[in-house]
Protein backbone atom coordinates (compact mmCIF):
# COMPACT_ATOMS: atom_id res chain seq x y z
CA MET A 1 -0.20 -0.10 0.12
CA SER A 2 1.05 3.14 -0.98
CA GLY A 3 -0.21 6.57 0.49
CA TYR A 4 0.80 9.78 1.72
CA ARG A 5 3.33 9.95 4.38
CA THR A 6 3.19 13.56 6.44
CA LEU A 7 6.69 12.54 7.95
CA ALA A 8 8.32 11.10 4.68
CA GLY A 9 11.72 11.75 4.83
CA PRO A 10 15.01 13.62 7.40
CA GLY A 11 13.51 16.84 6.05
CA GLU A 12 10.33 16.61 6.63
CA VAL A 13 10.79 14.65 10.98
CA ALA A 14 13.35 17.95 11.22
CA ARG A 15 10.56 20.36 9.91
CA LEU A 16 8.13 18.36 12.19
CA ALA A 17 10.94 18.75 14.89
CA SER A 18 11.31 23.01 14.91
CA ILE A 19 7.30 23.48 14.44
CA LEU A 20 7.64 21.63 17.70
CA ALA A 21 10.62 23.20 19.37
CA ARG A 22 8.22 26.68 19.27
CA SER A 23 5.87 25.30 21.95
CA PRO A 24 7.23 26.22 25.25
CA LYS A 25 5.22 22.81 26.79
CA VAL A 26 7.40 21.00 24.41
CA ARG A 27 10.74 22.70 25.79
CA THR A 28 10.43 22.21 29.02
CA PHE A 29 10.91 18.79 28.66
CA ASP A 30 14.66 19.04 27.41
CA SER A 31 17.33 18.55 29.58
CA GLU A 32 21.00 18.36 29.35
CA GLY A 33 22.45 17.76 26.05
CA GLU A 34 18.88 16.95 25.05
CA GLU A 35 16.23 18.12 23.39
CA GLU A 36 12.35 17.16 23.26
CA ALA A 37 11.26 18.68 19.88
CA PRO A 38 13.98 16.32 17.66
CA ARG A 39 12.96 13.12 19.81
CA LEU A 40 8.88 13.42 19.80
CA ALA A 41 8.75 14.53 15.95
CA TYR A 42 11.43 10.93 15.30
CA SER A 43 8.63 8.82 17.41
CA LEU A 44 6.00 10.78 15.58
CA GLY A 45 7.87 9.69 12.45
CA ASP A 46 7.71 5.34 13.37
CA ILE A 47 4.39 6.01 14.19
CA GLU A 48 3.16 6.53 11.06
CA ASP A 49 5.39 4.30 9.73
CA SER A 50 3.98 1.68 11.78
CA ALA A 51 0.18 2.25 11.27
CA THR A 52 0.70 2.40 7.43
CA THR A 53 2.27 -0.66 8.12
CA LEU A 54 -0.90 -1.82 10.06
CA LEU A 55 -3.17 -0.11 7.29
CA GLN A 56 -1.38 -3.03 5.32
CA LEU A 57 -1.94 -6.15 7.46
CA LEU A 58 -5.48 -6.03 9.00
CA PRO A 59 -6.96 -6.14 5.23
CA ARG A 60 -4.95 -9.46 4.77
CA LEU A 61 -6.89 -10.80 7.71
CA MET A 62 -9.81 -10.51 6.17
CA THR A 63 -9.32 -13.35 3.98
CA ASP A 64 -11.49 -16.04 4.87
CA SER A 65 -9.87 -19.00 4.03
CA MET A 66 -6.59 -18.20 5.52
CA PRO A 67 -4.48 -21.00 7.29
CA PRO A 68 -4.84 -21.14 10.92
CA ALA A 69 -1.18 -20.55 11.25
CA GLU A 70 -0.89 -17.52 8.87
CA ILE A 71 -3.48 -15.95 11.43
CA GLU A 72 -1.42 -15.92 13.65
CA GLU A 73 1.87 -14.70 11.71
CA LEU A 74 -0.11 -11.90 10.57
CA LEU A 75 -1.47 -11.02 14.74
CA HIS A 76 1.80 -11.33 15.40
CA GLN A 77 3.00 -9.21 13.18
CA ILE A 78 0.27 -6.69 14.50
CA GLY A 79 1.33 -7.05 17.61
CA GLU A 80 4.95 -6.24 16.97
CA GLU A 81 3.62 -3.02 15.33
CA PHE A 82 1.98 -2.07 18.23
CA ARG A 83 5.33 -3.09 20.22
CA HIS A 84 6.71 -0.61 18.44
CA ILE A 85 3.93 2.12 18.79
CA LEU A 86 4.30 1.97 22.60
CA TYR A 87 7.81 2.56 22.62
CA HIS A 88 7.85 5.55 20.80
CA VAL A 89 4.68 6.50 23.02
CA ARG A 90 6.78 6.01 25.87
CA ASP A 91 10.05 7.28 24.60
CA PRO A 92 9.18 11.31 24.30
CA ARG A 93 9.47 12.58 27.54
CA TYR A 94 5.69 14.66 26.40
CA PHE A 95 4.11 11.40 26.40
CA ARG A 96 4.70 10.00 29.32
CA TYR A 97 1.38 11.09 31.50
CA LEU A 98 -0.08 8.21 28.97
CA PHE A 99 1.43 6.26 31.36
CA ASN A 100 1.21 8.04 35.01
CA GLU A 101 5.05 8.70 34.53
CA PRO A 102 6.98 12.35 35.42
């Protein structure tokens, strides 16, 4: 599946980082030598990658004659994309409130 990607490359991720850096709230999560805006932009780019992959995997589950082993393999692949998304939701400090973390 090819489709429009907002963060299709490093230039778009860098542009998003510069936009996010304008937010005082985003900057409150900066630490010495590490700015939050680039981390957040990179994470959003990887989440977009995983969402694109999920949109490719989900229709494949709708195959009526799919053998159980293939169903389980697809579910495993979906689970791994969820794992990747969770990592990139937790990694930026900005979204840690979702996990009741400081």
